Amino acid sequence: MSSTYLPVTSPSADQSNFPAPVPASVIYFQNKLPKERPEHPDCTRILLIEDDIQDIELIKALLKKAKHFPATLTHVETLEQGLECLKHGNIDIVLCDLFLPDQQGLETFCEIYAQFPEVPIIILSGLTDENLAIEALQEGAQDYLVKGQFDRNLLVRAMRYGIERQRLLLALKRQTEALRASEEQFRTMITRNADGVVIIDHNRVIQFVNPAAESLINCKAEILQGEIWCSSLVVGQTTELDICSSYGKIVIVEIQLVEIQWEGKKAYMASLRDITTRKEIEIAQKQLNDELERRVKERTVELRVANAQLQVLEVKLRQSLVKEKELSKFKSRIISSISHEYRTPLTTIYSSAAILERYCDKIDPTRQVKHCRRIQSMVQHLTGLVDDVLFINKTEFDQLNFQPEPIYLVGFCIKLVDEIKSKTTDKHQILFSHEGDCNEFTSDPKMLRQMLTNLLSNAIKYSPQGGTVELNLKCENNQVILEVTDEGIGIPKQEQGELFNSFSRGSNIGSIGGIGLGLSIVKSYVEHHQGEIVMESEIGVGTRIKVSLPLLR
């Protein structure tokens, strides 16, 4: 059979040679197996496997009318010829009858799909069989068209959708295979890693343990998988863990975390490294240094009296260095927050001391007393900062020494308010009120004092324009309720929860001093007392902080 080139629009005399440019909509029909791709790269290449001449002519007629769907159509009558045609390639989509001279039923489609799964297939059937159509689609067919029940638009749309769906499916398959290969390569790499590797999901559940980690932790992977990871999940943070090995020796492991994707989900990869030898060297070096220091001190007894102050400072420094590793994280946070806060008091102390030293005999006693009080005030301020830092330090390392005793709350609060009033300017009015019987309250008075002092000091400090600061005490329903209210600058709503963390401050504080420990100390006391704390604040209106504590503890 010969091939014919049929343009949808009226062709010119020389169009049979495919001159450039090619018409926008063309249909190229042939009844032989294609040896090479036609000269029209934008045409959709269709293979029609059909033995009914009427159905063949119908398909050709429909495609000829599809002006916006340029295509080439190759027609064969048997399954064997169709498979041979597909082996040559250059086929974009197959239109296939299920009942051919050499094959019958759904097996016709299955045989084509088994050999050429990458080519989209649309079934043309004379049977209106819904179950057969569903089964064909489940097996991989792109569409099921019943002869005599589709027009040109439905046929073209089915082919376009089928080609696009197949393209997306193939792209998805390639991406899935690439991802699987990448994950396998990653799994192989961490399995062979000399360092221990543990994969933890976002719920802290261990998902994978490599052989090196098994050896370090002294536990099989199948036992560890599914257990909860007990260490920190802070990315970039380095932590250390002591592990008892199978031979009874304590192994020190350094742990570092990075965020990864594991089986398509967010996870964490913990890298474990044995640093026992390094630690032993550090300890041995320290012991050697201590021994050398002892010998030097024995040989320089005559210098001790002259250098007594220097030795005291050296001893304190060595004690600080011993604890440096344990407090490294805390120190790095406190240095940046507190350094600026210390400068102003120290400058004030220095200037007042210098004036007293240089002009003591020239200034009157009233000004001398003024400078002495400035020094005392700044020393008290610095002492308060130190107390706050020490409290947070003990909280961080669970070293709080809670010593409860019966407290008469009304008198306790009255005395504390009077002390704060004596240190406050006239632009602030501090009021105290109480309700109920609070005679049975038991707590640590030092911690309670620090908690209330911080709340009242914050209320005063963050009310720079002055106003009323109220402390209200209620005892009801076996609870002690302490409320501190001010008329200050308020706290942005989105920041209120963060201010209970150490070194956190509001974004609207301006030049008001502080290091952000006050509310953190309050929260630590309340949690230690098994109580609750609630904050209500509005910008420019003020803040109310409510602390609820159990009456009996």
Protein backbone atom coordinates (compact mmCIF):
# COMPACT_ATOMS: atom_id res chain seq x y z
CA MET A 1 0.00 0.00 0.00
CA SER A 2 1.29 3.48 -0.81
CA SER A 3 1.71 6.41 1.52
CA THR A 4 -0.25 9.63 1.10
CA TYR A 5 0.31 13.11 2.54
CA LEU A 6 -2.98 14.88 3.28
CA PRO A 7 -3.01 18.45 4.65
CA VAL A 8 -6.13 19.53 6.47
CA THR A 9 -6.23 22.82 4.61
CA SER A 10 -6.15 22.98 0.85
CA PRO A 11 -2.59 22.04 -0.21
CA SER A 12 -0.58 23.71 -2.97
CA ALA A 13 0.91 21.73 -5.78
CA ASP A 14 4.34 21.34 -4.27
CA GLN A 15 3.35 20.43 -0.71
CA SER A 16 3.91 16.71 -1.34
CA ASN A 17 7.64 17.36 -0.98
CA PHE A 18 7.21 18.90 2.52
CA PRO A 19 8.72 22.31 1.77
CA ALA A 20 9.56 24.70 4.63
CA PRO A 21 7.75 26.08 6.38
CA VAL A 22 5.44 23.13 7.18
CA PRO A 23 1.69 23.92 7.45
CA ALA A 24 0.40 24.31 11.01
CA SER A 25 -2.01 21.36 10.78
CA VAL A 26 -1.14 18.26 8.71
CA ILE A 27 -2.08 14.57 8.70
CA TYR A 28 0.37 12.08 7.27
CA PHE A 29 -1.01 8.57 6.67
CA GLN A 30 0.99 5.48 5.77
CA ASN A 31 0.22 1.77 5.73
CA LYS A 32 3.76 0.47 5.96
CA LEU A 33 6.10 0.19 8.94
CA PRO A 34 7.99 3.50 9.28
CA LYS A 35 11.70 3.30 8.53
CA GLU A 36 12.50 6.73 9.87
CA ARG A 37 10.77 9.71 11.43
CA PRO A 38 8.92 12.00 8.96
CA GLU A 39 10.22 15.46 8.31
CA HIS A 40 7.60 17.06 10.61
CA PRO A 41 9.02 17.01 14.19
CA ASP A 42 5.93 18.75 15.62
CA CYS A 43 3.52 16.05 14.45
CA THR A 44 2.14 13.51 16.88
CA ARG A 45 3.17 10.02 15.69
CA ILE A 46 0.20 7.65 16.02
CA LEU A 47 0.21 3.87 15.56
CA LEU A 48 -3.25 2.43 14.77
CA ILE A 49 -3.60 -1.36 15.26
CA GLU A 50 -6.96 -2.18 13.68
CA ASP A 51 -8.25 -4.71 11.10
CA ASP A 52 -11.68 -3.18 10.45
CA ILE A 53 -11.48 -1.00 7.30
CA GLN A 54 -14.49 1.11 8.30
CA ASP A 55 -12.98 1.94 11.71
CA ILE A 56 -9.66 2.74 10.01
CA GLU A 57 -11.28 5.17 7.60
CA LEU A 58 -13.26 6.73 10.48
CA ILE A 59 -10.07 7.40 12.48
CA LYS A 60 -8.39 8.88 9.40
CA ALA A 61 -11.38 11.14 8.76
CA LEU A 62 -11.49 12.32 12.36
CA LEU A 63 -7.77 13.10 12.40
CA LYS A 64 -8.02 14.91 9.08
CA LYS A 65 -10.62 17.25 10.57
CA ALA A 66 -8.45 17.97 13.63
CA LYS A 67 -6.98 21.22 12.31
CA HIS A 68 -5.04 22.04 15.50
CA PHE A 69 -3.63 18.54 16.00
CA PRO A 70 -0.90 17.82 13.37
CA ALA A 71 -0.22 14.06 13.32
CA THR A 72 1.26 11.17 11.36
CA LEU A 73 -0.69 7.92 11.35
CA THR A 74 0.82 4.48 10.81
CA HIS A 75 -1.71 1.69 10.34
CA VAL A 76 -1.20 -2.08 10.84
CA GLU A 77 -3.78 -4.87 11.07
CA THR A 78 -2.21 -7.43 13.46
CA LEU A 79 -0.64 -7.39 16.90
CA GLU A 80 2.57 -8.87 15.50
CA GLN A 81 2.89 -6.02 12.97
CA GLY A 82 2.16 -3.48 15.73
CA LEU A 83 4.91 -4.85 17.98
CA GLU A 84 7.35 -4.81 15.05
CA CYS A 85 6.45 -1.19 14.35
CA LEU A 86 6.99 -0.22 17.98
CA LYS A 87 10.44 -1.80 17.91
CA HIS A 88 11.46 0.78 15.30
CA GLY A 89 10.52 3.57 17.75
CA ASN A 90 9.24 7.01 16.67
CA ILE A 91 5.73 6.31 18.03
CA ASP A 92 4.10 8.81 20.41
CA ILE A 93 0.81 6.97 21.09
CA VAL A 94 -0.95 3.70 20.15
CA LEU A 95 -4.64 3.30 19.24
CA CYS A 96 -5.40 -0.39 19.58
CA ASP A 97 -8.42 -2.65 19.01
CA LEU A 98 -8.65 -5.50 21.54
CA PHE A 99 -9.85 -8.06 18.98
CA LEU A 100 -7.27 -8.66 16.25
CA PRO A 101 -6.67 -11.61 13.91
CA ASP A 102 -3.73 -12.89 16.00
CA GLN A 103 -4.88 -11.92 19.54
CA GLN A 104 -8.19 -11.46 21.37
CA GLY A 105 -9.38 -9.56 24.45
CA LEU A 106 -7.46 -7.63 27.13
CA GLU A 107 -4.38 -9.80 26.49
CA THR A 108 -3.85 -7.75 23.31
CA PHE A 109 -3.24 -4.62 25.37
CA CYS A 110 -1.27 -6.48 28.06
CA GLU A 111 1.18 -7.87 25.50
CA ILE A 112 1.88 -4.40 24.05
CA TYR A 113 2.16 -2.78 27.48
CA ALA A 114 4.49 -5.50 28.74
CA GLN A 115 7.00 -4.84 25.94
CA PHE A 116 6.57 -1.07 25.57
CA PRO A 117 5.34 0.37 28.89
CA GLU A 118 6.73 3.80 28.03
CA VAL A 119 4.31 4.30 25.09
CA PRO A 120 0.77 5.54 26.00
CA ILE A 121 -2.00 3.20 24.75
CA ILE A 122 -5.66 4.06 24.10
CA ILE A 123 -8.02 1.11 23.62
CA LEU A 124 -10.62 1.24 20.83
CA SER A 125 -13.36 -1.30 21.46
CA GLY A 126 -16.69 -2.14 20.00
CA LEU A 127 -17.88 -3.35 23.42
CA THR A 128 -19.57 -1.07 25.93
CA ASP A 129 -18.21 -3.07 28.85
CA GLU A 130 -17.61 -0.92 31.91
CA ASN A 131 -15.84 -3.72 33.83
CA LEU A 132 -13.49 -4.33 30.90
CA ALA A 133 -12.78 -0.60 30.64
CA ILE A 134 -11.99 -0.35 34.36
CA GLU A 135 -9.75 -3.40 34.20
CA ALA A 136 -7.89 -1.96 31.19
CA LEU A 137 -7.30 1.35 32.93
CA GLN A 138 -6.10 -0.46 36.05
CA GLU A 139 -3.63 -2.42 33.92
CA GLY A 140 -2.13 0.81 32.52
CA ALA A 141 -4.23 1.92 29.54
CA GLN A 142 -4.53 5.72 29.18
CA ASP A 143 -8.17 5.62 28.00
CA TYR A 144 -10.95 3.29 26.77
CA LEU A 145 -13.00 4.57 23.82
CA VAL A 146 -16.06 2.77 22.49
CA LYS A 147 -16.32 2.77 18.70
CA GLY A 148 -19.15 4.88 17.42
CA GLN A 149 -19.39 6.83 20.71
CA PHE A 150 -16.55 9.33 20.27
CA ASP A 151 -16.06 12.26 17.94
CA ARG A 152 -13.03 14.13 16.72
CA ASN A 153 -12.70 16.32 19.84
CA LEU A 154 -12.97 13.39 22.25
CA LEU A 155 -10.38 11.39 20.29
CA VAL A 156 -7.90 14.27 20.10
CA ARG A 157 -8.40 15.16 23.76
CA ALA A 158 -7.90 11.53 24.81
CA MET A 159 -4.63 11.32 22.83
CA ARG A 160 -3.32 14.63 24.14
CA TYR A 161 -4.17 13.77 27.75
CA GLY A 162 -2.78 10.27 27.34
CA ILE A 163 0.56 11.52 25.96
CA GLU A 164 0.86 14.14 28.70
CA ARG A 165 -0.07 11.69 31.48
CA GLN A 166 2.45 9.18 30.19
CA ARG A 167 5.12 11.88 30.02
CA LEU A 168 4.43 12.87 33.62
CA LEU A 169 4.41 9.24 34.77
CA LEU A 170 7.76 8.57 33.08
CA ALA A 171 9.25 11.75 34.57
CA LEU A 172 7.95 10.75 38.01
CA LYS A 173 9.39 7.27 37.57
CA ARG A 174 12.80 8.67 36.63
CA GLN A 175 12.77 11.04 39.58
CA THR A 176 11.72 8.24 41.93
CA GLU A 177 14.47 6.00 40.67
CA ALA A 178 17.04 8.81 40.98
CA LEU A 179 15.87 9.55 44.53
CA ARG A 180 16.00 5.86 45.42
CA ALA A 181 19.52 5.58 44.01
CA SER A 182 20.60 8.69 45.90
CA GLU A 183 19.14 7.38 49.16
CA GLU A 184 20.83 4.02 48.63
CA GLN A 185 24.14 5.75 47.99
CA PHE A 186 23.67 7.88 51.10
CA ARG A 187 22.69 4.82 53.18
CA THR A 188 25.76 2.94 51.92
CA MET A 189 28.01 5.89 52.70
CA ILE A 190 26.82 6.31 56.30
CA THR A 191 26.80 2.54 56.84
CA ARG A 192 30.51 2.40 55.96
CA ASN A 193 31.35 5.59 57.85
CA ALA A 194 34.05 5.14 60.47
CA ASP A 195 32.16 7.52 62.79
CA GLY A 196 28.94 6.39 64.41
CA VAL A 197 25.80 7.62 62.64
CA VAL A 198 22.26 7.64 64.05
CA ILE A 199 19.21 8.88 62.10
CA ILE A 200 16.40 10.37 64.23
CA ASP A 201 13.00 11.48 62.90
CA HIS A 202 11.24 14.70 63.90
CA ASN A 203 9.45 12.80 66.72
CA ARG A 204 12.87 11.87 68.26
CA VAL A 205 12.44 8.22 67.24
CA ILE A 206 15.63 6.43 66.11
CA GLN A 207 15.28 5.17 62.52
CA PHE A 208 18.78 3.95 61.60
CA VAL A 209 22.02 3.01 63.39
CA ASN A 210 25.21 2.21 61.51
CA PRO A 211 27.73 -0.47 62.67
CA ALA A 212 30.14 2.12 64.08
CA ALA A 213 27.37 3.56 66.27
CA GLU A 214 26.40 0.05 67.38
CA SER A 215 29.96 -0.48 68.58
CA LEU A 216 30.13 2.90 70.36
CA ILE A 217 26.74 2.61 72.08
CA ASN A 218 27.29 -1.09 72.80
CA CYS A 219 23.83 -2.06 71.55
CA LYS A 220 22.46 -3.71 68.41
CA ALA A 221 20.73 -1.59 65.78
CA GLU A 222 17.52 -3.64 65.88
CA ILE A 223 17.20 -2.85 69.60
CA LEU A 224 17.91 0.86 69.20
CA GLN A 225 15.60 1.41 66.24
CA GLY A 226 12.22 2.61 67.45
CA GLU A 227 13.62 3.91 70.75
CA ILE A 228 13.47 7.59 71.74
CA TRP A 229 16.62 9.67 71.27
CA CYS A 230 17.38 11.13 74.70
CA SER A 231 20.00 13.74 73.78
CA SER A 232 19.53 17.25 72.38
CA LEU A 233 18.16 17.85 68.86
CA VAL A 234 19.74 21.29 68.33
CA VAL A 235 21.32 21.46 64.87
CA GLY A 236 24.93 22.63 64.96
CA GLN A 237 25.29 22.06 68.71
CA THR A 238 28.05 19.76 69.95
CA THR A 239 27.30 17.64 73.00
CA GLU A 240 29.18 14.95 74.90
CA LEU A 241 27.83 11.67 76.24
CA ASP A 242 29.40 9.10 78.58
CA ILE A 243 28.74 5.48 77.55
CA CYS A 244 29.69 2.29 79.39
CA SER A 245 31.41 -0.05 76.91
CA SER A 246 31.10 -3.85 76.81
CA TYR A 247 34.36 -4.20 78.74
CA GLY A 248 33.28 -1.83 81.52
CA LYS A 249 35.23 1.28 80.47
CA ILE A 250 33.51 4.65 80.18
CA VAL A 251 33.69 5.92 76.59
CA ILE A 252 33.21 9.65 75.97
CA VAL A 253 31.34 10.34 72.72
CA GLU A 254 31.06 13.70 70.96
CA ILE A 255 27.71 14.20 69.18
CA GLN A 256 26.99 16.64 66.33
CA LEU A 257 23.61 17.02 64.57
CA VAL A 258 22.67 18.07 61.04
CA GLU A 259 19.21 18.28 59.46
CA ILE A 260 18.59 15.91 56.51
CA GLN A 261 15.81 14.31 54.46
CA TRP A 262 15.31 10.62 55.29
CA GLU A 263 12.83 8.60 53.24
CA GLY A 264 11.25 11.83 52.03
CA LYS A 265 10.74 13.34 55.48
CA LYS A 266 12.60 15.78 57.74
CA ALA A 267 15.05 14.02 60.04
CA TYR A 268 18.30 14.54 61.94
CA MET A 269 21.63 12.79 61.47
CA ALA A 270 23.70 12.49 64.66
CA SER A 271 27.41 11.93 64.12
CA LEU A 272 29.09 10.12 67.05
CA ARG A 273 32.86 10.23 67.55
CA ASP A 274 34.90 8.59 70.31
CA ILE A 275 36.91 11.36 72.03
CA THR A 276 37.96 9.30 75.07
CA THR A 277 41.65 9.38 74.16
CA ARG A 278 41.54 13.12 73.61
CA LYS A 279 39.88 13.63 76.98
CA GLU A 280 42.39 11.39 78.70
CA ILE A 281 45.21 13.42 77.19
CA GLU A 282 43.56 16.64 78.38
CA ILE A 283 43.17 15.23 81.92
CA ALA A 284 46.74 13.94 81.96
CA GLN A 285 47.95 17.33 80.75
CA LYS A 286 45.98 19.05 83.48
CA GLN A 287 47.34 16.71 86.13
CA LEU A 288 50.86 17.35 84.86
CA ASN A 289 50.24 21.08 84.99
CA ASP A 290 48.90 20.80 88.54
CA GLU A 291 51.94 18.82 89.59
CA LEU A 292 54.30 21.33 88.03
CA GLU A 293 52.41 24.13 89.71
CA ARG A 294 52.71 22.40 93.10
CA ARG A 295 56.45 22.04 92.70
CA VAL A 296 56.84 25.65 91.67
CA LYS A 297 54.88 26.77 94.73
CA GLU A 298 57.09 24.65 97.00
CA ARG A 299 60.20 26.34 95.58
CA THR A 300 58.81 29.88 95.81
CA VAL A 301 57.51 30.04 99.38
CA GLU A 302 59.39 33.30 99.95
CA LEU A 303 57.27 34.99 97.24
CA ARG A 304 53.86 34.00 98.58
CA VAL A 305 53.49 36.87 101.01
CA ALA A 306 54.34 39.46 98.37
CA ASN A 307 52.09 37.87 95.79
CA ALA A 308 49.15 36.91 98.04
CA GLN A 309 46.53 38.87 96.09
CA LEU A 310 47.83 37.56 92.77
CA GLN A 311 47.64 33.97 94.02
CA VAL A 312 44.03 34.46 95.15
CA LEU A 313 43.10 35.61 91.66
CA GLU A 314 45.00 32.70 90.12
CA VAL A 315 43.17 30.17 92.32
CA LYS A 316 39.79 31.64 91.30
CA LEU A 317 40.79 31.59 87.68
CA ARG A 318 41.84 27.93 87.88
CA GLN A 319 38.54 27.05 89.55
CA SER A 320 36.71 28.80 86.72
CA LEU A 321 38.73 26.93 84.11
CA VAL A 322 37.81 23.58 85.72
CA LYS A 323 34.13 24.39 85.19
CA GLU A 324 34.57 26.05 81.80
CA LYS A 325 33.44 23.09 79.70
CA GLU A 326 30.27 22.60 81.72
CA LEU A 327 29.40 26.30 81.60
CA SER A 328 30.64 27.09 78.08
CA LYS A 329 27.20 27.42 76.57
CA PHE A 330 25.91 29.51 79.47
CA LYS A 331 28.93 31.81 79.40
CA SER A 332 28.72 32.43 75.67
CA ARG A 333 25.13 33.64 76.10
CA ILE A 334 25.73 35.71 79.19
CA ILE A 335 28.84 37.52 77.98
CA SER A 336 27.07 39.06 75.00
CA SER A 337 24.02 40.05 77.10
CA ILE A 338 25.62 41.35 80.27
CA SER A 339 28.79 43.08 79.02
CA HIS A 340 26.96 46.21 77.92
CA GLU A 341 24.83 46.29 81.08
CA TYR A 342 27.95 46.33 83.30
CA ARG A 343 29.65 49.27 81.58
CA THR A 344 27.44 52.07 82.84
CA PRO A 345 27.54 51.07 86.58
CA LEU A 346 31.30 50.49 86.44
CA THR A 347 31.84 53.85 84.74
CA THR A 348 29.73 55.54 87.42
CA ILE A 349 31.67 53.78 90.22
CA TYR A 350 34.98 54.71 88.64
CA SER A 351 34.10 58.36 88.12
CA SER A 352 32.72 58.80 91.68
CA ALA A 353 35.73 57.04 93.20
CA ALA A 354 38.10 59.19 91.16
CA ILE A 355 36.34 62.38 92.27
CA LEU A 356 36.48 61.30 95.93
CA GLU A 357 40.14 60.40 95.62
CA ARG A 358 41.20 63.59 93.86
CA TYR A 359 38.90 66.22 95.44
CA CYS A 360 38.08 64.70 98.84
CA ASP A 361 39.50 67.69 100.74
CA LYS A 362 37.86 70.22 98.41
CA ILE A 363 34.23 69.15 98.16
CA ASP A 364 31.66 69.50 100.92
CA PRO A 365 30.45 66.45 102.93
CA THR A 366 27.04 66.50 101.22
CA ARG A 367 28.57 65.91 97.79
CA GLN A 368 30.89 63.27 99.26
CA VAL A 369 27.88 61.41 100.64
CA LYS A 370 26.16 61.77 97.23
CA HIS A 371 29.09 60.13 95.44
CA CYS A 372 29.31 57.37 98.07
CA ARG A 373 25.62 56.63 97.62
CA ARG A 374 26.07 56.54 93.84
CA ILE A 375 28.81 53.95 94.31
CA GLN A 376 26.62 51.96 96.72
CA SER A 377 23.67 52.11 94.33
CA MET A 378 25.73 50.90 91.39
CA VAL A 379 27.27 48.13 93.52
CA GLN A 380 23.76 47.02 94.51
CA HIS A 381 22.74 47.05 90.84
CA LEU A 382 25.75 44.94 89.88
CA THR A 383 25.08 42.62 92.81
CA GLY A 384 21.51 42.17 91.58
CA LEU A 385 22.77 41.28 88.12
CA VAL A 386 25.17 38.74 89.61
CA ASP A 387 22.38 37.25 91.75
CA ASP A 388 20.17 36.88 88.69
CA VAL A 389 22.95 35.20 86.72
CA LEU A 390 23.76 32.83 89.58
CA PHE A 391 20.09 31.92 89.94
CA ILE A 392 19.79 31.14 86.22
CA ASN A 393 23.05 29.19 86.37
CA LYS A 394 21.75 27.01 89.21
CA THR A 395 18.46 26.57 87.36
CA GLU A 396 20.22 25.46 84.18
CA PHE A 397 22.13 22.77 86.07
CA ASP A 398 19.34 21.82 88.50
CA GLN A 399 21.31 23.03 91.52
CA LEU A 400 18.64 25.15 93.19
CA ASN A 401 18.61 24.63 96.95
CA PHE A 402 14.92 25.05 97.77
CA GLN A 403 14.50 25.61 101.52
CA PRO A 404 10.79 26.13 102.30
CA GLU A 405 9.50 27.61 105.53
CA PRO A 406 6.20 29.15 106.69
CA ILE A 407 5.78 32.72 105.41
CA TYR A 408 3.31 35.39 106.51
CA LEU A 409 2.69 36.70 103.02
CA VAL A 410 0.99 39.99 103.88
CA GLY A 411 3.84 41.22 106.05
CA PHE A 412 6.38 39.83 103.61
CA CYS A 413 4.85 41.78 100.71
CA ILE A 414 4.41 45.00 102.73
CA LYS A 415 8.08 44.96 103.73
CA LEU A 416 9.22 44.26 100.17
CA VAL A 417 7.05 47.03 98.72
CA ASP A 418 8.40 49.52 101.28
CA GLU A 419 11.97 48.63 100.35
CA ILE A 420 11.27 49.13 96.65
CA LYS A 421 9.45 52.42 97.33
CA SER A 422 12.55 53.74 99.12
CA LYS A 423 14.57 53.22 95.94
CA THR A 424 11.97 54.57 93.51
CA THR A 425 11.36 58.12 92.32
CA ASP A 426 8.14 60.02 92.99
CA LYS A 427 6.83 59.53 89.44
CA HIS A 428 5.94 55.91 90.29
CA GLN A 429 3.19 55.06 92.77
CA ILE A 430 3.49 51.51 94.18
CA LEU A 431 0.29 50.09 95.70
CA PHE A 432 -0.28 46.84 97.60
CA SER A 433 -3.59 45.11 98.34
CA HIS A 434 -4.54 41.68 99.66
CA GLU A 435 -7.57 39.43 100.04
CA GLY A 436 -8.13 36.19 101.94
CA ASP A 437 -6.22 34.27 104.62
CA CYS A 438 -2.60 33.57 103.57
CA ASN A 439 -1.17 32.43 106.91
CA GLU A 440 -0.44 28.84 105.80
CA PHE A 441 1.80 29.59 102.80
CA THR A 442 5.10 27.68 102.72
CA SER A 443 7.96 28.53 100.36
CA ASP A 444 11.62 29.53 100.14
CA PRO A 445 11.63 33.22 101.23
CA LYS A 446 14.80 34.06 99.27
CA MET A 447 13.39 32.73 96.02
CA LEU A 448 9.99 34.34 96.65
CA ARG A 449 11.68 37.67 97.35
CA GLN A 450 13.75 37.45 94.16
CA MET A 451 10.69 36.52 92.12
CA LEU A 452 8.57 39.45 93.43
CA THR A 453 11.49 41.88 93.22
CA ASN A 454 12.00 41.04 89.57
CA LEU A 455 8.29 41.49 88.77
CA LEU A 456 8.06 44.85 90.56
CA SER A 457 11.41 46.09 89.22
CA ASN A 458 10.37 45.23 85.67
CA ALA A 459 7.04 47.00 86.15
CA ILE A 460 8.88 50.15 87.30
CA LYS A 461 11.71 49.97 84.75
CA TYR A 462 9.40 49.47 81.77
CA SER A 463 7.15 52.35 82.88
CA PRO A 464 9.63 55.14 82.09
CA GLN A 465 6.89 57.77 82.07
CA GLY A 466 5.84 56.79 85.59
CA GLY A 467 2.40 55.68 86.69
CA THR A 468 0.90 53.20 89.14
CA VAL A 469 2.42 49.81 89.86
CA GLU A 470 0.11 47.46 91.78
CA LEU A 471 0.88 44.28 93.70
CA ASN A 472 -2.29 42.37 94.54
CA LEU A 473 -2.27 39.27 96.82
CA LYS A 474 -5.20 36.81 96.90
CA CYS A 475 -5.54 33.56 98.80
CA GLU A 476 -8.45 31.44 97.59
CA ASN A 477 -9.23 27.83 96.62
CA ASN A 478 -5.96 26.56 98.17
CA GLN A 479 -4.01 28.92 95.94
CA VAL A 480 -1.86 32.01 96.38
CA ILE A 481 -2.37 34.46 93.52
CA LEU A 482 0.12 37.30 93.07
CA GLU A 483 -0.65 39.90 90.40
CA VAL A 484 1.70 42.72 89.34
CA THR A 485 0.18 45.39 87.07
CA ASP A 486 1.85 48.43 85.49
CA GLU A 487 0.99 51.24 83.06
CA GLY A 488 4.18 50.91 81.03
CA ILE A 489 5.19 50.41 77.42
CA GLY A 490 3.65 46.94 77.11
CA ILE A 491 4.98 43.90 75.26
CA PRO A 492 4.34 42.98 71.58
CA LYS A 493 1.87 40.08 71.47
CA GLN A 494 4.08 37.88 69.26
CA GLU A 495 7.00 38.22 71.73
CA GLN A 496 5.20 37.58 75.02
CA GLY A 497 5.89 33.83 75.10
CA GLU A 498 9.60 34.28 74.29
CA LEU A 499 10.27 36.69 77.17
CA PHE A 500 10.22 33.83 79.69
CA ASN A 501 13.41 32.49 78.09
CA SER A 502 16.80 33.58 79.42
CA PHE A 503 18.30 36.70 77.79
CA SER A 504 15.10 37.51 75.84
CA ARG A 505 13.87 41.12 75.70
CA GLY A 506 11.10 42.94 73.91
CA SER A 507 11.78 44.69 70.61
CA ASN A 508 10.22 47.96 71.86
CA ILE A 509 12.44 48.58 74.92
CA GLY A 510 14.52 51.27 73.25
CA SER A 511 17.41 52.34 75.50
CA ILE A 512 16.03 50.77 78.70
CA GLY A 513 18.80 48.70 80.30
CA GLY A 514 18.63 45.04 81.25
CA ILE A 515 19.84 41.58 80.24
CA GLY A 516 16.56 39.68 79.96
CA LEU A 517 16.74 37.41 83.02
CA GLY A 518 13.91 38.79 85.16
CA LEU A 519 10.98 36.83 83.73
CA SER A 520 13.17 33.75 83.27
CA ILE A 521 13.89 33.78 87.03
CA VAL A 522 10.18 34.24 87.76
CA LYS A 523 9.30 31.29 85.53
CA SER A 524 11.97 29.09 87.16
CA TYR A 525 10.63 29.85 90.64
CA VAL A 526 7.03 29.24 89.58
CA GLU A 527 7.89 25.91 87.91
CA HIS A 528 9.93 24.84 90.93
CA HIS A 529 6.92 25.66 93.08
CA GLN A 530 4.63 23.72 90.68
CA GLY A 531 2.63 26.85 89.95
CA GLU A 532 1.43 28.71 86.86
CA ILE A 533 2.24 32.08 85.31
CA VAL A 534 0.06 34.09 82.89
CA MET A 535 0.93 37.32 81.06
CA GLU A 536 -1.48 39.90 79.61
CA SER A 537 -0.01 42.95 77.87
CA GLU A 538 -0.94 45.64 75.36
CA ILE A 539 1.41 48.10 73.69
CA GLY A 540 1.16 51.55 75.27
CA VAL A 541 -1.38 50.39 77.89
CA GLY A 542 0.61 48.21 80.28
CA THR A 543 1.24 44.68 81.47
CA ARG A 544 -0.34 42.34 84.01
CA ILE A 545 1.48 39.22 85.19
CA LYS A 546 -0.43 36.69 87.28
CA VAL A 547 1.39 34.03 89.32
CA SER A 548 -0.62 31.18 90.88
CA LEU A 549 1.05 28.99 93.54
CA PRO A 550 -0.33 26.11 95.62
CA LEU A 551 -1.11 27.26 99.14
CA LEU A 552 0.30 24.11 100.77
CA ARG A 553 3.38 22.39 99.40
